[in-house]
Amino acid sequence: MATAEEEEIDFKISPEDQDEHSFVTIWNIASATCDGNLEQTRALASKLLNFLCKRDCDFVVCSSANIEYLDEKFESDNKVLYDWKPESEYVDLVSQHAEVPGKAFMSFLKTHKFNPSTKYNPRRADRVTWFNDRWCIG
C-alpha cells in the first residue's frame, strides 16, 4: 500500500484547453487529469483551490469581467469562497474562472509538495484575501 508521501497524481493539460499564452483553468486541468469524470474533477479542483489558497499562490489570473462576476456572486452568496468542499458546485464556479500558466502551475505543485491525500483547509479570511489581493486581472 502506498503511503501518503508516495501518492502522486499524473496531472494532464490538454493543449486545446490552453490559450495562446499557455494559460488554462484549474477546472480544465482537473477535468483532463480525471478523464472528464465530474465527481473526481470537482474533488480534485476542490483540493487544488484549497491548496493554492493555503500556499498563497500569486499567479492565478482572471479576466476583469470574470473577477467582477465572481465578486458579485460572492456578495450575494458568500459560499462562493467559503464552500470548497469536494462535492460543492461552488468549486466549479471558481475553478472554471481561475486560470494558471500550465508549466508554472505544475512547478508550484511540485515545489510546494501538493499531496492529494492531504486536506488543505484555508481560513475564510485567507480565502477572501487570496481572491481579492493575490489573483491577477488579465
N, C-alpha and C. Protein backbone atom coordinates (compact mmCIF):
# COMPACT_ATOMS: atom_id res chain seq x y z
N MET A 1 0.84 -1.20 0.00
CA MET A 1 0.00 0.00 0.00
C MET A 1 0.88 1.25 0.00
N ALA A 2 0.54 2.21 -0.81
CA ALA A 2 1.33 3.44 -0.92
C ALA A 2 1.08 4.32 0.30
N THR A 3 2.12 4.95 0.75
CA THR A 3 1.98 5.91 1.85
C THR A 3 1.55 7.23 1.27
N ALA A 4 1.12 8.15 2.14
CA ALA A 4 0.67 9.47 1.68
C ALA A 4 1.77 10.19 0.91
N GLU A 5 3.02 9.99 1.33
CA GLU A 5 4.13 10.65 0.65
C GLU A 5 4.34 10.12 -0.77
N GLU A 6 3.96 8.86 -0.99
CA GLU A 6 4.18 8.25 -2.29
C GLU A 6 3.05 8.54 -3.28
N GLU A 7 1.91 8.96 -2.76
CA GLU A 7 0.76 9.18 -3.65
C GLU A 7 1.01 10.40 -4.53
N GLU A 8 0.90 10.18 -5.81
CA GLU A 8 1.08 11.27 -6.76
C GLU A 8 -0.01 11.21 -7.80
N ILE A 9 -0.27 12.36 -8.38
CA ILE A 9 -1.24 12.44 -9.46
C ILE A 9 -0.49 12.79 -10.72
N ASP A 10 -0.83 12.13 -11.79
CA ASP A 10 -0.24 12.45 -13.09
C ASP A 10 -1.12 13.52 -13.73
N PHE A 11 -0.78 14.78 -13.45
CA PHE A 11 -1.58 15.88 -13.96
C PHE A 11 -1.47 15.98 -15.47
N LYS A 12 -2.61 16.30 -16.10
CA LYS A 12 -2.65 16.44 -17.55
C LYS A 12 -3.22 17.80 -17.90
N ILE A 13 -2.68 18.37 -18.96
CA ILE A 13 -3.23 19.60 -19.50
C ILE A 13 -3.43 19.37 -20.99
N SER A 14 -4.68 19.46 -21.43
CA SER A 14 -4.97 19.28 -22.85
C SER A 14 -4.52 20.54 -23.60
N PRO A 15 -3.77 20.35 -24.68
CA PRO A 15 -3.32 21.52 -25.46
C PRO A 15 -4.48 22.41 -25.91
N GLU A 16 -5.63 21.81 -26.23
CA GLU A 16 -6.76 22.63 -26.69
C GLU A 16 -7.41 23.44 -25.57
N ASP A 17 -7.09 23.12 -24.30
CA ASP A 17 -7.62 23.89 -23.17
C ASP A 17 -6.79 25.13 -22.87
N GLN A 18 -5.59 25.20 -23.43
CA GLN A 18 -4.69 26.33 -23.15
C GLN A 18 -4.91 27.45 -24.16
N ASP A 19 -4.76 28.68 -23.67
CA ASP A 19 -4.83 29.80 -24.59
C ASP A 19 -3.45 30.01 -25.23
N GLU A 20 -3.32 31.06 -26.01
CA GLU A 20 -2.06 31.28 -26.73
C GLU A 20 -0.88 31.57 -25.81
N HIS A 21 -1.15 31.89 -24.55
CA HIS A 21 -0.07 32.15 -23.58
C HIS A 21 0.10 30.99 -22.60
N SER A 22 -0.48 29.85 -22.93
CA SER A 22 -0.40 28.62 -22.13
C SER A 22 -1.18 28.69 -20.81
N PHE A 23 -2.14 29.59 -20.71
CA PHE A 23 -2.99 29.63 -19.52
C PHE A 23 -4.15 28.65 -19.68
N VAL A 24 -4.53 28.05 -18.57
CA VAL A 24 -5.59 27.05 -18.56
C VAL A 24 -6.34 27.17 -17.23
N THR A 25 -7.63 26.88 -17.24
CA THR A 25 -8.38 26.96 -15.99
C THR A 25 -8.03 25.78 -15.08
N ILE A 26 -8.16 26.02 -13.80
CA ILE A 26 -7.93 24.95 -12.83
C ILE A 26 -8.93 23.82 -13.09
N TRP A 27 -10.15 24.18 -13.45
CA TRP A 27 -11.17 23.16 -13.76
C TRP A 27 -10.72 22.28 -14.91
N ASN A 28 -10.19 22.87 -15.99
CA ASN A 28 -9.78 22.08 -17.14
C ASN A 28 -8.59 21.17 -16.83
N ILE A 29 -7.70 21.61 -15.96
CA ILE A 29 -6.59 20.74 -15.53
C ILE A 29 -7.16 19.54 -14.77
N ALA A 30 -8.07 19.83 -13.83
CA ALA A 30 -8.68 18.74 -13.05
C ALA A 30 -9.47 17.80 -13.95
N SER A 31 -10.20 18.35 -14.90
CA SER A 31 -11.01 17.54 -15.81
C SER A 31 -10.15 16.64 -16.69
N ALA A 32 -9.08 17.20 -17.26
CA ALA A 32 -8.19 16.39 -18.11
C ALA A 32 -7.51 15.30 -17.27
N THR A 33 -7.12 15.64 -16.06
CA THR A 33 -6.45 14.70 -15.17
C THR A 33 -7.39 13.56 -14.76
N CYS A 34 -8.66 13.88 -14.59
CA CYS A 34 -9.65 12.88 -14.16
C CYS A 34 -10.45 12.31 -15.33
N ASP A 35 -9.94 12.48 -16.53
CA ASP A 35 -10.59 11.96 -17.74
C ASP A 35 -12.06 12.36 -17.85
N GLY A 36 -12.37 13.57 -17.42
CA GLY A 36 -13.72 14.11 -17.57
C GLY A 36 -14.75 13.63 -16.57
N ASN A 37 -14.37 12.80 -15.60
CA ASN A 37 -15.32 12.33 -14.58
C ASN A 37 -15.69 13.51 -13.68
N LEU A 38 -16.97 13.91 -13.71
CA LEU A 38 -17.40 15.12 -13.00
C LEU A 38 -17.11 15.08 -11.50
N GLU A 39 -17.45 13.99 -10.85
CA GLU A 39 -17.26 13.89 -9.40
C GLU A 39 -15.77 13.97 -9.03
N GLN A 40 -14.93 13.25 -9.77
CA GLN A 40 -13.49 13.28 -9.50
C GLN A 40 -12.90 14.64 -9.86
N THR A 41 -13.38 15.23 -10.95
CA THR A 41 -12.90 16.56 -11.36
C THR A 41 -13.18 17.58 -10.28
N ARG A 42 -14.42 17.58 -9.78
CA ARG A 42 -14.80 18.54 -8.73
C ARG A 42 -13.97 18.32 -7.47
N ALA A 43 -13.76 17.06 -7.09
CA ALA A 43 -12.97 16.76 -5.89
C ALA A 43 -11.53 17.24 -6.06
N LEU A 44 -10.93 17.01 -7.23
CA LEU A 44 -9.55 17.46 -7.46
C LEU A 44 -9.48 18.98 -7.53
N ALA A 45 -10.42 19.60 -8.22
CA ALA A 45 -10.44 21.07 -8.31
C ALA A 45 -10.58 21.68 -6.91
N SER A 46 -11.37 21.04 -6.06
CA SER A 46 -11.52 21.50 -4.68
C SER A 46 -10.18 21.46 -3.95
N LYS A 47 -9.48 20.34 -4.06
CA LYS A 47 -8.18 20.21 -3.40
C LYS A 47 -7.19 21.25 -3.94
N LEU A 48 -7.22 21.46 -5.26
CA LEU A 48 -6.29 22.42 -5.87
C LEU A 48 -6.58 23.85 -5.42
N LEU A 49 -7.85 24.24 -5.40
CA LEU A 49 -8.19 25.59 -4.94
C LEU A 49 -7.74 25.80 -3.50
N ASN A 50 -8.07 24.84 -2.64
CA ASN A 50 -7.68 24.95 -1.24
C ASN A 50 -6.17 24.99 -1.07
N PHE A 51 -5.46 24.16 -1.82
CA PHE A 51 -4.00 24.13 -1.77
C PHE A 51 -3.40 25.45 -2.23
N LEU A 52 -3.84 25.94 -3.38
CA LEU A 52 -3.30 27.19 -3.93
C LEU A 52 -3.56 28.35 -2.98
N CYS A 53 -4.72 28.37 -2.36
CA CYS A 53 -5.03 29.42 -1.40
C CYS A 53 -4.16 29.29 -0.16
N LYS A 54 -4.08 28.09 0.36
CA LYS A 54 -3.29 27.84 1.58
C LYS A 54 -1.82 28.20 1.37
N ARG A 55 -1.32 27.95 0.17
CA ARG A 55 0.09 28.25 -0.15
C ARG A 55 0.26 29.65 -0.75
N ASP A 56 -0.82 30.43 -0.77
CA ASP A 56 -0.79 31.82 -1.22
C ASP A 56 -0.22 31.97 -2.63
N CYS A 57 -0.67 31.13 -3.53
CA CYS A 57 -0.23 31.18 -4.92
C CYS A 57 -0.60 32.53 -5.53
N ASP A 58 0.37 33.18 -6.16
CA ASP A 58 0.14 34.54 -6.65
C ASP A 58 0.05 34.65 -8.17
N PHE A 59 -0.16 33.54 -8.88
CA PHE A 59 -0.25 33.68 -10.33
C PHE A 59 -1.57 33.18 -10.91
N VAL A 60 -2.61 33.18 -10.11
CA VAL A 60 -3.94 32.87 -10.63
C VAL A 60 -4.43 34.11 -11.36
N VAL A 61 -4.93 33.93 -12.57
CA VAL A 61 -5.36 35.05 -13.40
C VAL A 61 -6.84 34.88 -13.73
N CYS A 62 -7.51 36.01 -13.83
CA CYS A 62 -8.93 36.02 -14.17
C CYS A 62 -9.21 37.31 -14.94
N SER A 63 -10.07 37.24 -15.92
CA SER A 63 -10.40 38.46 -16.67
C SER A 63 -11.13 39.43 -15.75
N SER A 64 -11.10 40.70 -16.08
CA SER A 64 -11.78 41.69 -15.24
C SER A 64 -13.29 41.41 -15.18
N ALA A 65 -13.87 40.98 -16.31
CA ALA A 65 -15.30 40.65 -16.31
C ALA A 65 -15.58 39.45 -15.40
N ASN A 66 -14.71 38.44 -15.43
CA ASN A 66 -14.91 37.27 -14.59
C ASN A 66 -14.67 37.57 -13.12
N ILE A 67 -13.70 38.42 -12.82
CA ILE A 67 -13.46 38.83 -11.42
C ILE A 67 -14.71 39.54 -10.90
N GLU A 68 -15.23 40.45 -11.70
CA GLU A 68 -16.43 41.19 -11.31
C GLU A 68 -17.60 40.23 -11.09
N TYR A 69 -17.74 39.28 -11.99
CA TYR A 69 -18.80 38.26 -11.88
C TYR A 69 -18.67 37.48 -10.57
N LEU A 70 -17.48 36.96 -10.29
CA LEU A 70 -17.27 36.19 -9.06
C LEU A 70 -17.48 37.06 -7.82
N ASP A 71 -17.03 38.30 -7.89
CA ASP A 71 -17.19 39.22 -6.77
C ASP A 71 -18.68 39.47 -6.48
N GLU A 72 -19.46 39.66 -7.55
CA GLU A 72 -20.90 39.86 -7.37
C GLU A 72 -21.56 38.60 -6.81
N LYS A 73 -21.13 37.44 -7.30
CA LYS A 73 -21.67 36.18 -6.79
C LYS A 73 -21.36 36.03 -5.29
N PHE A 74 -20.13 36.39 -4.91
CA PHE A 74 -19.72 36.29 -3.51
C PHE A 74 -20.54 37.25 -2.64
N GLU A 75 -20.79 38.47 -3.16
CA GLU A 75 -21.58 39.44 -2.41
C GLU A 75 -22.99 38.90 -2.13
N SER A 76 -23.55 38.17 -3.08
CA SER A 76 -24.91 37.65 -2.89
C SER A 76 -24.93 36.29 -2.17
N ASP A 77 -23.81 35.58 -2.22
CA ASP A 77 -23.74 34.27 -1.56
C ASP A 77 -22.28 33.98 -1.20
N ASN A 78 -21.95 34.16 0.07
CA ASN A 78 -20.54 34.02 0.47
C ASN A 78 -20.00 32.60 0.36
N LYS A 79 -20.86 31.63 0.08
CA LYS A 79 -20.38 30.26 -0.11
C LYS A 79 -19.47 30.14 -1.33
N VAL A 80 -19.55 31.12 -2.22
CA VAL A 80 -18.69 31.10 -3.42
C VAL A 80 -17.22 30.93 -3.00
N LEU A 81 -16.82 31.61 -1.94
CA LEU A 81 -15.43 31.48 -1.46
C LEU A 81 -15.32 30.61 -0.22
N TYR A 82 -16.42 30.37 0.48
CA TYR A 82 -16.34 29.64 1.74
C TYR A 82 -16.61 28.14 1.61
N ASP A 83 -17.26 27.71 0.55
CA ASP A 83 -17.63 26.30 0.42
C ASP A 83 -16.90 25.65 -0.74
N TRP A 84 -15.71 25.19 -0.47
CA TRP A 84 -14.91 24.50 -1.49
C TRP A 84 -14.75 23.02 -1.15
N LYS A 85 -15.81 22.44 -0.59
CA LYS A 85 -15.78 21.00 -0.31
C LYS A 85 -15.80 20.24 -1.63
N PRO A 86 -15.29 19.03 -1.65
CA PRO A 86 -15.21 18.25 -2.89
C PRO A 86 -16.56 18.04 -3.60
N GLU A 87 -17.65 18.12 -2.88
CA GLU A 87 -18.96 17.90 -3.51
C GLU A 87 -19.67 19.21 -3.86
N SER A 88 -19.03 20.35 -3.62
CA SER A 88 -19.67 21.65 -3.80
C SER A 88 -19.60 22.17 -5.23
N GLU A 89 -20.74 22.64 -5.73
CA GLU A 89 -20.77 23.23 -7.06
C GLU A 89 -20.07 24.59 -7.10
N TYR A 90 -19.82 25.18 -5.94
CA TYR A 90 -19.08 26.44 -5.91
C TYR A 90 -17.65 26.24 -6.39
N VAL A 91 -17.14 25.03 -6.20
CA VAL A 91 -15.81 24.68 -6.72
C VAL A 91 -15.80 24.85 -8.24
N ASP A 92 -16.87 24.37 -8.89
CA ASP A 92 -16.98 24.50 -10.35
C ASP A 92 -16.90 25.97 -10.74
N LEU A 93 -17.72 26.78 -10.08
CA LEU A 93 -17.82 28.20 -10.40
C LEU A 93 -16.47 28.89 -10.31
N VAL A 94 -15.77 28.71 -9.21
CA VAL A 94 -14.50 29.40 -9.00
C VAL A 94 -13.40 28.82 -9.90
N SER A 95 -13.29 27.49 -9.94
CA SER A 95 -12.19 26.88 -10.69
C SER A 95 -12.34 27.04 -12.20
N GLN A 96 -13.56 27.26 -12.68
CA GLN A 96 -13.76 27.49 -14.11
C GLN A 96 -13.40 28.91 -14.53
N HIS A 97 -13.23 29.80 -13.56
CA HIS A 97 -12.84 31.18 -13.85
C HIS A 97 -11.38 31.47 -13.48
N ALA A 98 -10.76 30.57 -12.74
CA ALA A 98 -9.38 30.75 -12.29
C ALA A 98 -8.42 30.12 -13.29
N GLU A 99 -7.57 30.94 -13.89
CA GLU A 99 -6.61 30.44 -14.87
C GLU A 99 -5.20 30.51 -14.31
N VAL A 100 -4.40 29.54 -14.72
CA VAL A 100 -3.00 29.49 -14.30
C VAL A 100 -2.13 29.16 -15.51
N PRO A 101 -0.87 29.62 -15.51
CA PRO A 101 0.04 29.20 -16.57
C PRO A 101 0.45 27.74 -16.31
N GLY A 102 0.24 26.88 -17.31
CA GLY A 102 0.43 25.45 -17.13
C GLY A 102 1.74 25.02 -16.49
N LYS A 103 2.87 25.43 -17.07
CA LYS A 103 4.18 24.98 -16.55
C LYS A 103 4.44 25.52 -15.15
N ALA A 104 4.12 26.78 -14.91
CA ALA A 104 4.34 27.36 -13.58
C ALA A 104 3.47 26.67 -12.54
N PHE A 105 2.26 26.31 -12.94
CA PHE A 105 1.34 25.60 -12.05
C PHE A 105 1.92 24.26 -11.63
N MET A 106 2.40 23.50 -12.61
CA MET A 106 2.98 22.18 -12.32
C MET A 106 4.20 22.32 -11.41
N SER A 107 5.01 23.32 -11.68
CA SER A 107 6.20 23.56 -10.86
C SER A 107 5.79 23.94 -9.43
N PHE A 108 4.77 24.78 -9.29
CA PHE A 108 4.29 25.21 -7.98
C PHE A 108 3.82 24.01 -7.16
N LEU A 109 3.07 23.11 -7.81
CA LEU A 109 2.58 21.91 -7.10
C LEU A 109 3.74 21.08 -6.58
N LYS A 110 4.77 20.94 -7.40
CA LYS A 110 5.93 20.13 -7.02
C LYS A 110 6.75 20.83 -5.93
N THR A 111 7.03 22.11 -6.13
CA THR A 111 7.83 22.87 -5.17
C THR A 111 7.18 22.93 -3.79
N HIS A 112 5.86 23.11 -3.78
CA HIS A 112 5.14 23.24 -2.51
C HIS A 112 4.56 21.92 -2.03
N LYS A 113 4.97 20.84 -2.69
CA LYS A 113 4.65 19.47 -2.27
C LYS A 113 3.15 19.21 -2.12
N PHE A 114 2.41 19.45 -3.21
CA PHE A 114 0.99 19.11 -3.21
C PHE A 114 0.83 17.62 -3.00
N ASN A 115 -0.02 17.27 -2.04
CA ASN A 115 -0.31 15.87 -1.76
C ASN A 115 -1.82 15.69 -1.81
N PRO A 116 -2.32 14.90 -2.76
CA PRO A 116 -3.77 14.75 -2.92
C PRO A 116 -4.48 14.13 -1.72
N SER A 117 -3.74 13.48 -0.85
CA SER A 117 -4.40 12.87 0.32
C SER A 117 -4.41 13.81 1.52
N THR A 118 -3.77 14.96 1.41
CA THR A 118 -3.77 15.94 2.50
C THR A 118 -5.00 16.82 2.38
N LYS A 119 -5.60 17.15 3.51
CA LYS A 119 -6.74 18.06 3.49
C LYS A 119 -6.23 19.48 3.73
N TYR A 120 -6.35 20.31 2.71
CA TYR A 120 -5.96 21.72 2.82
C TYR A 120 -7.24 22.50 3.08
N ASN A 121 -7.25 23.27 4.15
CA ASN A 121 -8.47 23.99 4.50
C ASN A 121 -8.12 25.40 4.98
N PRO A 122 -7.94 26.33 4.03
CA PRO A 122 -7.62 27.70 4.44
C PRO A 122 -8.79 28.36 5.17
N ARG A 123 -8.45 29.29 6.05
CA ARG A 123 -9.48 30.03 6.79
C ARG A 123 -10.28 30.90 5.82
N ARG A 124 -11.48 31.23 6.22
CA ARG A 124 -12.34 32.06 5.37
C ARG A 124 -11.68 33.39 5.05
N ALA A 125 -11.10 34.03 6.06
CA ALA A 125 -10.45 35.33 5.84
C ALA A 125 -9.31 35.20 4.83
N ASP A 126 -8.59 34.09 4.88
CA ASP A 126 -7.49 33.88 3.94
C ASP A 126 -8.00 33.68 2.52
N ARG A 127 -9.14 33.04 2.37
CA ARG A 127 -9.74 32.84 1.04
C ARG A 127 -10.10 34.19 0.42
N VAL A 128 -10.73 35.06 1.22
CA VAL A 128 -11.13 36.38 0.73
C VAL A 128 -9.90 37.20 0.37
N THR A 129 -8.90 37.19 1.24
CA THR A 129 -7.66 37.93 0.97
C THR A 129 -6.98 37.40 -0.28
N TRP A 130 -6.90 36.09 -0.40
CA TRP A 130 -6.26 35.49 -1.58
C TRP A 130 -6.98 35.91 -2.85
N PHE A 131 -8.29 35.82 -2.85
CA PHE A 131 -9.08 36.19 -4.03
C PHE A 131 -8.94 37.68 -4.32
N ASN A 132 -9.08 38.52 -3.32
CA ASN A 132 -9.06 39.97 -3.54
C ASN A 132 -7.68 40.55 -3.81
N ASP A 133 -6.64 39.99 -3.17
CA ASP A 133 -5.31 40.61 -3.24
C ASP A 133 -4.29 39.87 -4.07
N ARG A 134 -4.49 38.57 -4.28
CA ARG A 134 -3.45 37.79 -4.96
C ARG A 134 -3.79 37.41 -6.39
N TRP A 135 -5.08 37.30 -6.70
CA TRP A 135 -5.45 36.98 -8.07
C TRP A 135 -5.10 38.15 -8.97
N CYS A 136 -4.60 37.86 -10.14
CA CYS A 136 -4.24 38.89 -11.10
C CYS A 136 -5.38 39.07 -12.10
N ILE A 137 -5.56 40.28 -12.54
CA ILE A 137 -6.56 40.55 -13.57
C ILE A 137 -5.84 40.64 -14.90
N GLY A 138 -6.28 39.81 -15.85
CA GLY A 138 -5.58 39.81 -17.12
C GLY A 138 -6.48 39.46 -18.27
